[in-house]
């Protein structure tokens, strides 16, 4: 059996509104995958879900890191990737 998870993170450049959506065969995925920090950004981890990836990435952005650098840092430390 093949299970898939799909996620999307988007922002509106006019209103600065953020949105996150996730769909999966895994129950309650919406409780652990998406993260939004107002005024900072949004992130969504998936597959073998590790919610700390999104939490850590957003914390790095809050500390002033560029989103791409924050993503690179958390992915480099993810042994399950």
Protein backbone atom coordinates (compact mmCIF):
# COMPACT_ATOMS: atom_id res chain seq x y z
CA UNK A 1 0.00 0.00 0.00
CA UNK A 2 1.34 3.40 -0.95
CA UNK A 3 0.49 6.33 1.29
CA UNK A 4 0.99 9.90 0.15
CA UNK A 5 0.95 13.24 1.88
CA UNK A 6 0.54 16.54 0.10
CA UNK A 7 1.06 19.95 1.63
CA UNK A 8 1.08 23.54 0.47
CA UNK A 9 2.21 26.74 2.16
CA UNK A 10 1.20 30.02 0.54
CA UNK A 11 1.20 33.74 1.21
CA UNK A 12 -0.67 36.69 -0.25
CA UNK A 13 1.66 39.54 -1.18
CA UNK A 14 -1.20 42.04 -0.99
CA UNK A 15 -2.62 41.13 2.45
CA UNK A 16 0.35 39.23 3.92
CA UNK A 17 -2.04 36.43 4.83
CA UNK A 18 -0.48 32.99 5.30
CA UNK A 19 -2.14 29.65 4.72
CA UNK A 20 -1.16 26.01 5.18
CA UNK A 21 -3.03 22.93 3.97
CA UNK A 22 -2.17 19.25 4.27
CA UNK A 23 -3.87 16.07 3.09
CA UNK A 24 -2.80 12.56 4.01
CA UNK A 25 -3.94 9.02 4.67
CA UNK A 26 -2.50 9.45 8.16
CA UNK A 27 -5.14 10.34 10.77
CA UNK A 28 -4.91 13.76 12.47
CA UNK A 29 -2.07 14.93 10.24
CA UNK A 30 -3.34 18.50 10.55
CA UNK A 31 -2.48 18.46 14.25
CA UNK A 32 1.23 17.79 13.71
CA UNK A 33 2.28 18.97 10.23
CA UNK A 34 1.36 22.64 9.70
CA UNK A 35 2.77 25.51 11.72
CA UNK A 36 2.10 29.24 11.39
CA UNK A 37 3.79 31.90 13.50
CA UNK A 38 2.07 35.27 12.96
CA UNK A 39 4.46 37.89 11.64
CA UNK A 40 7.15 35.27 10.97
CA UNK A 41 6.05 32.61 8.51
CA UNK A 42 4.53 29.21 7.90
CA UNK A 43 6.00 25.73 7.47
CA UNK A 44 4.76 22.19 7.05
CA UNK A 45 6.72 18.98 7.67
CA UNK A 46 5.52 15.70 6.21
CA UNK A 47 6.36 12.04 5.49
CA UNK A 48 7.60 10.62 8.81
CA UNK A 49 6.27 13.71 10.49
CA UNK A 50 8.65 15.58 12.74
CA UNK A 51 6.82 18.72 13.87
CA UNK A 52 10.06 20.09 15.31
CA UNK A 53 11.39 20.66 11.79
CA UNK A 54 8.76 23.35 11.21
CA UNK A 55 9.03 24.66 14.76
CA UNK A 56 12.84 24.93 14.53
CA UNK A 57 12.78 26.48 11.04
CA UNK A 58 10.29 29.16 12.11
CA UNK A 59 12.32 29.88 15.26
CA UNK A 60 15.38 30.50 13.07
CA UNK A 61 13.39 32.89 10.87
CA UNK A 62 12.17 34.68 14.00
CA UNK A 63 15.85 35.04 15.01
CA UNK A 64 16.56 36.81 11.71
CA UNK A 65 17.72 33.97 9.44
CA UNK A 66 16.55 33.92 5.83
CA UNK A 67 13.86 31.30 5.20
CA UNK A 68 16.11 29.41 2.79
CA UNK A 69 18.95 29.30 5.34
CA UNK A 70 16.57 28.15 8.08
CA UNK A 71 15.28 25.37 5.84
CA UNK A 72 18.80 24.26 4.88
CA UNK A 73 19.81 24.13 8.55
CA UNK A 74 16.89 22.01 9.76
CA UNK A 75 17.07 19.65 6.79
CA UNK A 76 20.80 19.12 7.31
CA UNK A 77 20.08 18.00 10.87
CA UNK A 78 17.26 15.61 9.90
CA UNK A 79 18.70 12.09 9.96
CA UNK A 80 15.40 10.64 8.68
CA UNK A 81 15.47 12.74 5.51
